[in-house]
C-alpha atoms as a PDB file:
ATOM      1  CA  UNK A   1      29.681 -11.334  -9.762  1.00  0.00           C
ATOM      2  CA  UNK A   2      26.197 -12.330  -8.819  1.00  0.00           C
ATOM      3  CA  UNK A   3      24.537 -13.472  -5.626  1.00  0.00           C
ATOM      4  CA  UNK A   4      21.656 -15.816  -5.396  1.00  0.00           C
ATOM      5  CA  UNK A   5      18.624 -13.729  -3.547  1.00  0.00           C
ATOM      6  CA  UNK A   6      17.147 -15.176  -0.463  1.00  0.00           C
ATOM      7  CA  UNK A   7      14.612 -17.360  -0.198  1.00  0.00           C
ATOM      8  CA  UNK A   8      11.405 -15.871  -1.359  1.00  0.00           C
ATOM      9  CA  UNK A   9      11.286 -17.465  -4.488  1.00  0.00           C
ATOM     10  CA  UNK A  10      11.563 -20.946  -3.358  1.00  0.00           C
ATOM     11  CA  UNK A  11      14.514 -23.483  -2.474  1.00  0.00           C
ATOM     12  CA  UNK A  12      17.739 -22.084  -3.825  1.00  0.00           C
ATOM     13  CA  UNK A  13      15.976 -18.983  -5.104  1.00  0.00           C
ATOM     14  CA  UNK A  14      14.165 -20.687  -7.796  1.00  0.00           C
ATOM     15  CA  UNK A  15      10.856 -19.723  -9.006  1.00  0.00           C
ATOM     16  CA  UNK A  16       8.486 -20.627 -11.861  1.00  0.00           C
ATOM     17  CA  UNK A  17      10.429 -18.489 -14.577  1.00  0.00           C
ATOM     18  CA  UNK A  18      13.864 -19.628 -13.374  1.00  0.00           C
ATOM     19  CA  UNK A  19      16.605 -18.808 -10.796  1.00  0.00           C
ATOM     20  CA  UNK A  20      16.541 -15.240  -9.579  1.00  0.00           C
ATOM     21  CA  UNK A  21      20.095 -13.340  -8.921  1.00  0.00           C
ATOM     22  CA  UNK A  22      20.940 -10.021  -7.536  1.00  0.00           C
ATOM     23  CA  UNK A  23      23.191  -8.135  -9.863  1.00  0.00           C
ATOM     24  CA  UNK A  24      24.756  -4.839  -9.986  1.00  0.00           C
ATOM     25  CA  UNK A  25      23.331  -2.230  -7.453  1.00  0.00           C
ATOM     26  CA  UNK A  26      20.986   0.356  -8.728  1.00  0.00           C
ATOM     27  CA  UNK A  27      22.151   3.972  -8.620  1.00  0.00           C
ATOM     28  CA  UNK A  28      20.146   6.968  -6.979  1.00  0.00           C
ATOM     29  CA  UNK A  29      18.885   9.430  -9.684  1.00  0.00           C
ATOM     30  CA  UNK A  30      18.098  13.194  -9.570  1.00  0.00           C
ATOM     31  CA  UNK A  31      17.127  15.538 -12.408  1.00  0.00           C
ATOM     32  CA  UNK A  32      19.945  16.659 -14.987  1.00  0.00           C
ATOM     33  CA  UNK A  33      18.657  20.242 -15.502  1.00  0.00           C
ATOM     34  CA  UNK A  34      16.170  22.539 -13.224  1.00  0.00           C
ATOM     35  CA  UNK A  35      12.692  22.831 -14.748  1.00  0.00           C
ATOM     36  CA  UNK A  36       9.711  25.009 -13.459  1.00  0.00           C
ATOM     37  CA  UNK A  37       5.894  25.443 -14.145  1.00  0.00           C
ATOM     38  CA  UNK A  38       2.963  27.694 -12.756  1.00  0.00           C
ATOM     39  CA  UNK A  39      -0.529  26.622 -12.031  1.00  0.00           C
ATOM     40  CA  UNK A  40      -3.142  26.925  -9.234  1.00  0.00           C
ATOM     41  CA  UNK A  41      -3.443  24.769  -6.218  1.00  0.00           C
ATOM     42  CA  UNK A  42      -6.480  22.508  -6.312  1.00  0.00           C
ATOM     43  CA  UNK A  43      -7.975  23.259  -2.931  1.00  0.00           C
ATOM     44  CA  UNK A  44      -6.545  26.783  -2.078  1.00  0.00           C
ATOM     45  CA  UNK A  45      -6.960  28.375  -5.669  1.00  0.00           C
ATOM     46  CA  UNK A  46      -3.743  29.947  -5.146  1.00  0.00           C
ATOM     47  CA  UNK A  47      -1.663  30.556  -8.257  1.00  0.00           C
ATOM     48  CA  UNK A  48       1.901  29.129  -7.548  1.00  0.00           C
ATOM     49  CA  UNK A  49       5.292  28.751  -9.274  1.00  0.00           C
ATOM     50  CA  UNK A  50       7.080  25.569  -8.448  1.00  0.00           C
ATOM     51  CA  UNK A  51      10.832  24.758  -9.599  1.00  0.00           C
ATOM     52  CA  UNK A  52      12.313  21.170  -9.802  1.00  0.00           C
ATOM     53  CA  UNK A  53      15.794  21.536  -9.121  1.00  0.00           C
ATOM     54  CA  UNK A  54      18.617  18.533  -8.769  1.00  0.00           C
ATOM     55  CA  UNK A  55      19.718  17.688  -5.291  1.00  0.00           C
ATOM     56  CA  UNK A  56      22.751  15.509  -4.222  1.00  0.00           C
ATOM     57  CA  UNK A  57      22.764  11.904  -3.164  1.00  0.00           C
ATOM     58  CA  UNK A  58      21.231  10.901  -0.140  1.00  0.00           C
ATOM     59  CA  UNK A  59      19.379  14.489  -0.110  1.00  0.00           C
ATOM     60  CA  UNK A  60      15.914  12.807  -0.638  1.00  0.00           C
ATOM     61  CA  UNK A  61      12.858  14.789  -1.652  1.00  0.00           C
ATOM     62  CA  UNK A  62      12.541  18.110  -0.064  1.00  0.00           C
ATOM     63  CA  UNK A  63      10.163  21.018  -0.318  1.00  0.00           C
ATOM     64  CA  UNK A  64      11.020  24.536   0.140  1.00  0.00           C
ATOM     65  CA  UNK A  65       8.599  27.383   0.458  1.00  0.00           C
ATOM     66  CA  UNK A  66      10.341  30.282  -1.495  1.00  0.00           C
ATOM     67  CA  UNK A  67       7.865  32.767  -0.111  1.00  0.00           C
ATOM     68  CA  UNK A  68       8.975  32.123   3.510  1.00  0.00           C
ATOM     69  CA  UNK A  69      12.537  33.341   4.823  1.00  0.00           C
ATOM     70  CA  UNK A  70      14.898  30.978   6.511  1.00  0.00           C
ATOM     71  CA  UNK A  71      15.698  27.259   7.004  1.00  0.00           C
ATOM     72  CA  UNK A  72      11.969  27.058   8.506  1.00  0.00           C
ATOM     73  CA  UNK A  73      10.668  26.704   4.643  1.00  0.00           C
ATOM     74  CA  UNK A  74      12.366  23.369   4.116  1.00  0.00           C
ATOM     75  CA  UNK A  75       9.961  20.465   4.669  1.00  0.00           C
ATOM     76  CA  UNK A  76      11.082  16.995   3.797  1.00  0.00           C
ATOM     77  CA  UNK A  77       8.439  15.023   1.892  1.00  0.00           C
ATOM     78  CA  UNK A  78       8.245  12.173   4.465  1.00  0.00           C
ATOM     79  CA  UNK A  79       5.598  10.056   6.016  1.00  0.00           C
ATOM     80  CA  UNK A  80       6.317  11.541   9.623  1.00  0.00           C
ATOM     81  CA  UNK A  81       5.888  15.169   8.035  1.00  0.00           C
ATOM     82  CA  UNK A  82       2.221  14.300   7.165  1.00  0.00           C
ATOM     83  CA  UNK A  83      -0.331  16.827   8.966  1.00  0.00           C
ATOM     84  CA  UNK A  84      -3.038  16.731   6.729  1.00  0.00           C
ATOM     85  CA  UNK A  85      -4.944  13.963   4.891  1.00  0.00           C
ATOM     86  CA  UNK A  86      -8.190  15.556   4.017  1.00  0.00           C
ATOM     87  CA  UNK A  87      -8.754  14.925   0.264  1.00  0.00           C
ATOM     88  CA  UNK A  88      -5.093  15.321  -0.270  1.00  0.00           C
ATOM     89  CA  UNK A  89      -1.723  14.609   1.244  1.00  0.00           C
ATOM     90  CA  UNK A  90      -0.452  17.778   2.932  1.00  0.00           C
ATOM     91  CA  UNK A  91       3.005  18.004   4.940  1.00  0.00           C
ATOM     92  CA  UNK A  92       4.548  20.683   7.271  1.00  0.00           C
ATOM     93  CA  UNK A  93       7.933  21.698   9.379  1.00  0.00           C
ATOM     94  CA  UNK A  94       8.415  24.629  11.519  1.00  0.00           C
ATOM     95  CA  UNK A  95       4.946  26.274  10.534  1.00  0.00           C
ATOM     96  CA  UNK A  96       5.360  25.956   6.706  1.00  0.00           C
ATOM     97  CA  UNK A  97       3.060  23.686   4.701  1.00  0.00           C
ATOM     98  CA  UNK A  98       2.653  22.296   1.373  1.00  0.00           C
ATOM     99  CA  UNK A  99      -0.509  20.567   0.459  1.00  0.00           C
ATOM    100  CA  UNK A 100      -1.753  18.150  -2.380  1.00  0.00           C
ATOM    101  CA  UNK A 101       1.738  16.757  -2.953  1.00  0.00           C
ATOM    102  CA  UNK A 102       0.490  13.146  -3.868  1.00  0.00           C
ATOM    103  CA  UNK A 103       0.540  13.500  -7.818  1.00  0.00           C
ATOM    104  CA  UNK A 104       3.762  14.981  -7.653  1.00  0.00           C
ATOM    105  CA  UNK A 105       5.134  12.336  -5.506  1.00  0.00           C
ATOM    106  CA  UNK A 106       3.667   9.750  -7.882  1.00  0.00           C
ATOM    107  CA  UNK A 107       5.399  11.221 -10.740  1.00  0.00           C
ATOM    108  CA  UNK A 108       8.664  11.196  -8.860  1.00  0.00           C
ATOM    109  CA  UNK A 109       8.115   7.368  -7.719  1.00  0.00           C
ATOM    110  CA  UNK A 110       7.150   6.253 -11.540  1.00  0.00           C
ATOM    111  CA  UNK A 111      10.373   8.260 -12.837  1.00  0.00           C
ATOM    112  CA  UNK A 112      12.784   6.824 -10.132  1.00  0.00           C
ATOM    113  CA  UNK A 113      13.517  10.250  -8.745  1.00  0.00           C
ATOM    114  CA  UNK A 114      15.447   9.920  -5.341  1.00  0.00           C
ATOM    115  CA  UNK A 115      16.763  13.277  -4.704  1.00  0.00           C
ATOM    116  CA  UNK A 116      15.031  16.688  -5.622  1.00  0.00           C
ATOM    117  CA  UNK A 117      14.848  20.006  -4.122  1.00  0.00           C
ATOM    118  CA  UNK A 118      11.327  21.377  -4.715  1.00  0.00           C
ATOM    119  CA  UNK A 119      11.082  25.366  -4.480  1.00  0.00           C
ATOM    120  CA  UNK A 120       7.423  26.350  -4.514  1.00  0.00           C
ATOM    121  CA  UNK A 121       6.088  29.888  -3.946  1.00  0.00           C
ATOM    122  CA  UNK A 122       2.834  28.947  -2.045  1.00  0.00           C
ATOM    123  CA  UNK A 123       1.155  26.520   0.158  1.00  0.00           C
ATOM    124  CA  UNK A 124      -0.128  23.873  -2.562  1.00  0.00           C
ATOM    125  CA  UNK A 125       1.596  22.020  -5.433  1.00  0.00           C
ATOM    126  CA  UNK A 126      -0.228  23.055  -8.591  1.00  0.00           C
ATOM    127  CA  UNK A 127      -3.110  20.605  -9.699  1.00  0.00           C
ATOM    128  CA  UNK A 128      -2.138  21.070 -13.679  1.00  0.00           C
ATOM    129  CA  UNK A 129      -4.404  18.468 -15.229  1.00  0.00           C
ATOM    130  CA  UNK A 130      -5.197  16.811 -12.173  1.00  0.00           C
ATOM    131  CA  UNK A 131      -2.859  13.838 -12.887  1.00  0.00           C
ATOM    132  CA  UNK A 132       0.673  13.119 -12.426  1.00  0.00           C
ATOM    133  CA  UNK A 133       1.402  13.116 -16.305  1.00  0.00           C
ATOM    134  CA  UNK A 134       2.281  16.705 -16.631  1.00  0.00           C
ATOM    135  CA  UNK A 135       5.011  16.132 -13.976  1.00  0.00           C
ATOM    136  CA  UNK A 136       6.176  13.110 -15.870  1.00  0.00           C
ATOM    137  CA  UNK A 137       6.599  15.556 -18.835  1.00  0.00           C
ATOM    138  CA  UNK A 138       8.869  18.091 -16.574  1.00  0.00           C
ATOM    139  CA  UNK A 139      11.016  15.174 -15.580  1.00  0.00           C
ATOM    140  CA  UNK A 140      11.431  14.073 -19.499  1.00  0.00           C
ATOM    141  CA  UNK A 141      12.152  17.699 -20.268  1.00  0.00           C
ATOM    142  CA  UNK A 142      14.842  18.126 -17.239  1.00  0.00           C
ATOM    143  CA  UNK A 143      16.450  14.803 -17.991  1.00  0.00           C
ATOM    144  CA  UNK A 144      17.548  12.287 -15.434  1.00  0.00           C
ATOM    145  CA  UNK A 145      21.090  11.482 -14.364  1.00  0.00           C
ATOM    146  CA  UNK A 146      22.362   8.565 -12.062  1.00  0.00           C
ATOM    147  CA  UNK A 147      24.366   9.591  -8.988  1.00  0.00           C
ATOM    148  CA  UNK A 148      27.481   7.840  -7.387  1.00  0.00           C
ATOM    149  CA  UNK A 149      25.318   6.231  -4.407  1.00  0.00           C
ATOM    150  CA  UNK A 150      23.300   3.100  -4.206  1.00  0.00           C
ATOM    151  CA  UNK A 151      19.636   3.245  -4.159  1.00  0.00           C
ATOM    152  CA  UNK A 152      17.968   2.024  -0.850  1.00  0.00           C
ATOM    153  CA  UNK A 153      14.478   0.329  -0.600  1.00  0.00           C
ATOM    154  CA  UNK A 154      12.361  -0.593   2.250  1.00  0.00           C
ATOM    155  CA  UNK A 155      11.779  -4.257   2.080  1.00  0.00           C
ATOM    156  CA  UNK A 156       8.369  -5.532   3.799  1.00  0.00           C
ATOM    157  CA  UNK A 157       9.224  -8.628   6.094  1.00  0.00           C
ATOM    158  CA  UNK A 158       5.896  -9.395   7.278  1.00  0.00           C
ATOM    159  CA  UNK A 159       2.436  -8.329   6.603  1.00  0.00           C
ATOM    160  CA  UNK A 160       1.003  -5.129   8.382  1.00  0.00           C
ATOM    161  CA  UNK A 161      -2.841  -4.592   7.931  1.00  0.00           C
ATOM    162  CA  UNK A 162      -5.247  -1.826   9.220  1.00  0.00           C
ATOM    163  CA  UNK A 163      -8.907  -1.691   9.168  1.00  0.00           C
ATOM    164  CA  UNK A 164     -11.291   1.063   9.576  1.00  0.00           C
ATOM    165  CA  UNK A 165     -14.962  -0.110   9.240  1.00  0.00           C
ATOM    166  CA  UNK A 166     -15.140  -1.087   5.258  1.00  0.00           C
ATOM    167  CA  UNK A 167     -11.734   0.642   4.634  1.00  0.00           C
ATOM    168  CA  UNK A 168      -8.868  -1.732   4.849  1.00  0.00           C
ATOM    169  CA  UNK A 169      -4.906  -1.229   3.857  1.00  0.00           C
ATOM    170  CA  UNK A 170      -2.089  -3.618   4.133  1.00  0.00           C
ATOM    171  CA  UNK A 171       1.503  -4.159   3.151  1.00  0.00           C
ATOM    172  CA  UNK A 172       2.585  -7.716   2.597  1.00  0.00           C
ATOM    173  CA  UNK A 173       6.086  -9.230   1.487  1.00  0.00           C
ATOM    174  CA  UNK A 174       6.917  -8.920  -2.324  1.00  0.00           C
ATOM    175  CA  UNK A 175      10.071  -8.858  -4.386  1.00  0.00           C
ATOM    176  CA  UNK A 176       8.898  -5.479  -6.186  1.00  0.00           C
ATOM    177  CA  UNK A 177       6.501  -2.631  -5.692  1.00  0.00           C
ATOM    178  CA  UNK A 178       2.873  -4.031  -6.158  1.00  0.00           C
ATOM    179  CA  UNK A 179      -0.664  -2.184  -6.023  1.00  0.00           C
ATOM    180  CA  UNK A 180      -3.700  -4.134  -5.659  1.00  0.00           C
ATOM    181  CA  UNK A 181      -6.719  -1.722  -5.040  1.00  0.00           C
ATOM    182  CA  UNK A 182     -10.330  -1.669  -5.162  1.00  0.00           C
ATOM    183  CA  UNK A 183     -12.938   1.012  -5.096  1.00  0.00           C
ATOM    184  CA  UNK A 184     -16.747   1.233  -4.593  1.00  0.00           C
ATOM    185  CA  UNK A 185     -18.943   4.257  -5.066  1.00  0.00           C
ATOM    186  CA  UNK A 186     -22.448   4.508  -5.126  1.00  0.00           C
ATOM    187  CA  UNK A 187     -22.524   6.210  -8.377  1.00  0.00           C
ATOM    188  CA  UNK A 188     -23.576   4.190 -11.056  1.00  0.00           C
ATOM    189  CA  UNK A 189     -20.579   5.678 -13.162  1.00  0.00           C
ATOM    190  CA  UNK A 190     -18.121   4.327 -10.847  1.00  0.00           C
ATOM    191  CA  UNK A 191     -19.512   1.434  -8.639  1.00  0.00           C
ATOM    192  CA  UNK A 192     -16.791  -1.280  -8.173  1.00  0.00           C
ATOM    193  CA  UNK A 193     -13.541  -1.105  -9.865  1.00  0.00           C
ATOM    194  CA  UNK A 194     -10.359  -2.793  -9.154  1.00  0.00           C
ATOM    195  CA  UNK A 195      -6.944  -2.636 -10.269  1.00  0.00           C
ATOM    196  CA  UNK A 196      -3.635  -4.799  -9.707  1.00  0.00           C
ATOM    197  CA  UNK A 197      -0.222  -3.489 -11.079  1.00  0.00           C
ATOM    198  CA  UNK A 198       3.464  -3.866 -10.533  1.00  0.00           C
ATOM    199  CA  UNK A 199       4.491  -0.289 -10.383  1.00  0.00           C
ATOM    200  CA  UNK A 200       7.500  -0.255 -12.847  1.00  0.00           C
ATOM    201  CA  UNK A 201       8.277   3.208 -14.555  1.00  0.00           C
ATOM    202  CA  UNK A 202       6.969   1.964 -17.826  1.00  0.00           C
ATOM    203  CA  UNK A 203       3.634   0.433 -16.157  1.00  0.00           C
ATOM    204  CA  UNK A 204       3.244   3.750 -14.145  1.00  0.00           C
ATOM    205  CA  UNK A 205       3.738   5.879 -17.338  1.00  0.00           C
ATOM    206  CA  UNK A 206       1.352   3.974 -19.438  1.00  0.00           C
ATOM    207  CA  UNK A 207      -1.391   2.514 -16.859  1.00  0.00           C
ATOM    208  CA  UNK A 208      -1.537   5.163 -14.223  1.00  0.00           C
ATOM    209  CA  UNK A 209      -0.035   8.621 -14.971  1.00  0.00           C
ATOM    210  CA  UNK A 210      -2.812  10.199 -17.026  1.00  0.00           C
ATOM    211  CA  UNK A 211      -5.609   9.086 -14.488  1.00  0.00           C
ATOM    212  CA  UNK A 212      -7.308  12.267 -13.180  1.00  0.00           C
ATOM    213  CA  UNK A 213      -8.678  13.246  -9.782  1.00  0.00           C
ATOM    214  CA  UNK A 214     -12.388  12.948  -9.734  1.00  0.00           C
ATOM    215  CA  UNK A 215     -15.604  14.052  -7.561  1.00  0.00           C
ATOM    216  CA  UNK A 216     -19.336  14.397  -7.779  1.00  0.00           C
ATOM    217  CA  UNK A 217     -20.887  17.770  -8.917  1.00  0.00           C
ATOM    218  CA  UNK A 218     -23.065  17.948  -6.000  1.00  0.00           C
ATOM    219  CA  UNK A 219     -20.021  17.838  -3.509  1.00  0.00           C
ATOM    220  CA  UNK A 220     -18.338  20.753  -5.013  1.00  0.00           C
ATOM    221  CA  UNK A 221     -20.370  23.549  -3.248  1.00  0.00           C
ATOM    222  CA  UNK A 222     -20.006  21.583   0.286  1.00  0.00           C
ATOM    223  CA  UNK A 223     -16.305  21.239  -0.704  1.00  0.00           C
ATOM    224  CA  UNK A 224     -15.834  25.086  -1.207  1.00  0.00           C
ATOM    225  CA  UNK A 225     -17.891  26.047   1.984  1.00  0.00           C
ATOM    226  CA  UNK A 226     -15.312  23.885   3.842  1.00  0.00           C
ATOM    227  CA  UNK A 227     -12.406  25.924   2.077  1.00  0.00           C
ATOM    228  CA  UNK A 228     -11.506  23.141  -0.379  1.00  0.00           C
ATOM    229  CA  UNK A 229     -11.713  22.547  -4.233  1.00  0.00           C
ATOM    230  CA  UNK A 230     -11.479  26.458  -4.911  1.00  0.00           C
ATOM    231  CA  UNK A 231      -9.050  25.894  -7.775  1.00  0.00           C
ATOM    232  CA  UNK A 232     -11.244  22.930  -9.187  1.00  0.00           C
ATOM    233  CA  UNK A 233     -12.499  22.742 -12.659  1.00  0.00           C
ATOM    234  CA  UNK A 234     -13.294  20.563 -15.635  1.00  0.00           C
ATOM    235  CA  UNK A 235      -9.655  21.253 -16.835  1.00  0.00           C
ATOM    236  CA  UNK A 236      -8.247  19.631 -13.684  1.00  0.00           C
ATOM    237  CA  UNK A 237     -10.575  17.044 -12.581  1.00  0.00           C
ATOM    238  CA  UNK A 238     -13.204  14.435 -13.631  1.00  0.00           C
ATOM    239  CA  UNK A 239     -16.650  15.761 -12.447  1.00  0.00           C
ATOM    240  CA  UNK A 240     -19.814  13.259 -12.398  1.00  0.00           C
ATOM    241  CA  UNK A 241     -23.025  15.217 -12.859  1.00  0.00           C
ATOM    242  CA  UNK A 242     -26.294  14.867 -10.909  1.00  0.00           C
ATOM    243  CA  UNK A 243     -27.497  12.666 -13.776  1.00  0.00           C
ATOM    244  CA  UNK A 244     -24.520  10.447 -13.476  1.00  0.00           C
ATOM    245  CA  UNK A 245     -23.262  11.834 -16.634  1.00  0.00           C
ATOM    246  CA  UNK A 246     -19.371  12.871 -16.845  1.00  0.00           C
ATOM    247  CA  UNK A 247     -19.383  16.549 -17.499  1.00  0.00           C
ATOM    248  CA  UNK A 248     -15.990  16.780 -19.007  1.00  0.00           C
ATOM    249  CA  UNK A 249     -16.602  16.930 -23.036  1.00  0.00           C
ATOM    250  CA  UNK A 250     -13.473  14.612 -23.313  1.00  0.00           C
ATOM    251  CA  UNK A 251     -14.922  11.893 -21.274  1.00  0.00           C
ATOM    252  CA  UNK A 252     -12.752   9.666 -19.546  1.00  0.00           C
ATOM    253  CA  UNK A 253      -9.019   9.087 -20.302  1.00  0.00           C
ATOM    254  CA  UNK A 254      -9.223   5.155 -19.154  1.00  0.00           C
ATOM    255  CA  UNK A 255     -12.661   3.242 -18.897  1.00  0.00           C
ATOM    256  CA  UNK A 256     -11.556   2.740 -15.071  1.00  0.00           C
ATOM    257  CA  UNK A 257      -9.869   6.112 -14.753  1.00  0.00           C
ATOM    258  CA  UNK A 258     -11.313   6.425 -11.106  1.00  0.00           C
ATOM    259  CA  UNK A 259      -9.529   3.276  -9.579  1.00  0.00           C
ATOM    260  CA  UNK A 260      -6.472   4.263 -11.818  1.00  0.00           C
ATOM    261  CA  UNK A 261      -6.486   7.368  -9.939  1.00  0.00           C
ATOM    262  CA  UNK A 262      -6.608   5.916  -6.670  1.00  0.00           C
ATOM    263  CA  UNK A 263      -3.570   3.809  -7.403  1.00  0.00           C
ATOM    264  CA  UNK A 264      -1.835   6.759  -8.580  1.00  0.00           C
ATOM    265  CA  UNK A 265      -2.657   8.479  -5.416  1.00  0.00           C
ATOM    266  CA  UNK A 266      -1.456   5.408  -3.269  1.00  0.00           C
ATOM    267  CA  UNK A 267       1.861   5.365  -5.260  1.00  0.00           C
ATOM    268  CA  UNK A 268       2.398   9.061  -4.329  1.00  0.00           C
ATOM    269  CA  UNK A 269       1.470   8.520  -0.610  1.00  0.00           C
ATOM    270  CA  UNK A 270       3.477   5.405  -0.350  1.00  0.00           C
ATOM    271  CA  UNK A 271       6.652   7.394  -1.698  1.00  0.00           C
ATOM    272  CA  UNK A 272       6.435   9.272   1.503  1.00  0.00           C
ATOM    273  CA  UNK A 273       8.259   6.193   2.883  1.00  0.00           C
ATOM    274  CA  UNK A 274      11.612   8.090   1.888  1.00  0.00           C
ATOM    275  CA  UNK A 275      12.568   5.095  -0.164  1.00  0.00           C
ATOM    276  CA  UNK A 276      10.934   2.779  -2.805  1.00  0.00           C
ATOM    277  CA  UNK A 277       8.990   0.043  -0.939  1.00  0.00           C
ATOM    278  CA  UNK A 278       9.462  -3.824  -1.830  1.00  0.00           C
ATOM    279  CA  UNK A 279       6.088  -5.135  -1.013  1.00  0.00           C
ATOM    280  CA  UNK A 280       2.476  -5.283  -1.892  1.00  0.00           C
ATOM    281  CA  UNK A 281       0.123  -2.540  -1.062  1.00  0.00           C
ATOM    282  CA  UNK A 282      -3.552  -3.575  -0.805  1.00  0.00           C
ATOM    283  CA  UNK A 283      -6.520  -1.210  -0.270  1.00  0.00           C
ATOM    284  CA  UNK A 284     -10.043  -1.509  -0.198  1.00  0.00           C
ATOM    285  CA  UNK A 285     -11.977   1.735  -0.414  1.00  0.00           C
ATOM    286  CA  UNK A 286      -8.670   3.521   1.428  1.00  0.00           C
ATOM    287  CA  UNK A 287      -7.584   6.912   1.049  1.00  0.00           C
ATOM    288  CA  UNK A 288      -4.582   9.477   2.013  1.00  0.00           C
ATOM    289  CA  UNK A 289      -5.317   8.935   5.863  1.00  0.00           C
ATOM    290  CA  UNK A 290      -5.129   5.182   5.609  1.00  0.00           C
ATOM    291  CA  UNK A 291      -2.193   5.271   3.367  1.00  0.00           C
ATOM    292  CA  UNK A 292      -0.228   7.380   5.979  1.00  0.00           C
ATOM    293  CA  UNK A 293      -1.517   5.463   9.055  1.00  0.00           C
ATOM    294  CA  UNK A 294      -0.134   2.194   7.412  1.00  0.00           C
ATOM    295  CA  UNK A 295       3.306   3.705   6.938  1.00  0.00           C
ATOM    296  CA  UNK A 296       3.235   4.755  10.576  1.00  0.00           C
ATOM    297  CA  UNK A 297       2.354   1.423  11.498  1.00  0.00           C
ATOM    298  CA  UNK A 298       5.150  -0.081   9.158  1.00  0.00           C
ATOM    299  CA  UNK A 299       7.719   1.970  10.864  1.00  0.00           C
ATOM    300  CA  UNK A 300       6.632   1.361  14.473  1.00  0.00           C
ATOM    301  CA  UNK A 301       7.679  -2.061  14.277  1.00  0.00           C
ATOM    302  CA  UNK A 302      11.387  -2.645  13.334  1.00  0.00           C
ATOM    303  CA  UNK A 303      10.731  -6.215  12.775  1.00  0.00           C
ATOM    304  CA  UNK A 304       8.491  -5.818   9.817  1.00  0.00           C
ATOM    305  CA  UNK A 305      10.669  -4.031   7.545  1.00  0.00           C
ATOM    306  CA  UNK A 306      14.353  -3.411   6.607  1.00  0.00           C
ATOM    307  CA  UNK A 307      16.372  -0.985   4.472  1.00  0.00           C
ATOM    308  CA  UNK A 308      18.614  -2.586   2.062  1.00  0.00           C
ATOM    309  CA  UNK A 309      20.448  -1.725  -1.265  1.00  0.00           C
ATOM    310  CA  UNK A 310      18.600  -2.068  -4.475  1.00  0.00           C
ATOM    311  CA  UNK A 311      20.198  -4.540  -7.003  1.00  0.00           C
ATOM    312  CA  UNK A 312      19.344  -5.234 -10.880  1.00  0.00           C
ATOM    313  CA  UNK A 313      17.276  -8.582 -10.695  1.00  0.00           C
ATOM    314  CA  UNK A 314      18.316 -11.192 -13.157  1.00  0.00           C
ATOM    315  CA  UNK A 315      16.477 -14.357 -14.230  1.00  0.00           C
ATOM    316  CA  UNK A 316      18.172 -17.683 -15.610  1.00  0.00           C
ATOM    317  CA  UNK A 317      15.094 -19.249 -17.263  1.00  0.00           C
ATOM    318  CA  UNK A 318      13.982 -22.580 -15.922  1.00  0.00           C
ATOM    319  CA  UNK A 319      14.594 -24.302 -19.407  1.00  0.00           C
ATOM    320  CA  UNK A 320      17.575 -22.804 -20.693  1.00  0.00           C
ATOM    321  CA  UNK A 321      20.956 -20.893 -20.709  1.00  0.00           C
ATOM    322  CA  UNK A 322      19.855 -17.343 -21.753  1.00  0.00           C
ATOM    323  CA  UNK A 323      20.328 -15.014 -18.875  1.00  0.00           C
ATOM    324  CA  UNK A 324      17.967 -11.624 -19.122  1.00  0.00           C
ATOM    325  CA  UNK A 325      17.273  -8.507 -16.786  1.00  0.00           C
ATOM    326  CA  UNK A 326      13.854  -9.402 -15.107  1.00  0.00           C
ATOM    327  CA  UNK A 327      12.099  -6.305 -16.805  1.00  0.00           C
ATOM    328  CA  UNK A 328      13.083  -8.073 -20.337  1.00  0.00           C
ATOM    329  CA  UNK A 329      11.624 -11.069 -19.210  1.00  0.00           C
ATOM    330  CA  UNK A 330       8.408  -9.167 -18.456  1.00  0.00           C
ATOM    331  CA  UNK A 331       8.260  -7.226 -21.553  1.00  0.00           C
ATOM    332  CA  UNK A 332       8.446 -10.655 -23.589  1.00  0.00           C
ATOM    333  CA  UNK A 333       5.781 -12.144 -21.617  1.00  0.00           C
END
């Protein structure tokens, strides 16, 4: 039995595409089988082994440092655990830390993984090729199973906005998760780039997941002097040379790979909300620090959001009788 969704589509739940209805609850998901990988941390340069393991319903995403004894090694992947936003997002609990989690978190968000135990033998998630795509591959190999519990979502009820000079981030009400992001760099290779995307599993996989982290060649020495980028190389990052040329032999994976990677980062950072977000994220020259501050601002105001079960959305087209899942309507458009 279907119930009409509340007002946001207009009177009586109608929209330009027809009447939107709320259908069956969406189930939580975890991996079907454990799977592991080995690699180096982008900033630490430390070689680590990481295993992704199925977890029960309502477990959430939790890291476990296998090189640290006891329960102190457990670190929930959550916004209030974030303690480092210098060129990455890191979480900590009881003295244990895991850094550069954003690419993995983006892959989990894009694959609709709700519950997972991530066992890791060191302080940083392996960088792999600098994108989320290798983690998507691991998830595909492990398989995904639905669980006997409804997926919950965080619905944004009113706009939340933060600004620090030219850097601006906001969350606004929407019936799905959208990202609208712009970057502006002095480099003539990057300059100003913008991207707007509704973050569905298909869109994330095809339009975002393969975008790699990037940097300027002249910044590498400074980063390494600061104890960062020790594991960085042309195998796991796009590097722009002093002559404003891409140093990677294969070039770019997307013409606007730079803004797409920033979208990837935002998807990963915002999945630290603990549940998927129903809202539109807008960012202008933002980064990990602003993304986390935005979540803190959201959760500091109980009137700005609510937690609710996620349901399949179906659309009755305005002109006819055919009833289709919303994602099928989008695919035909």
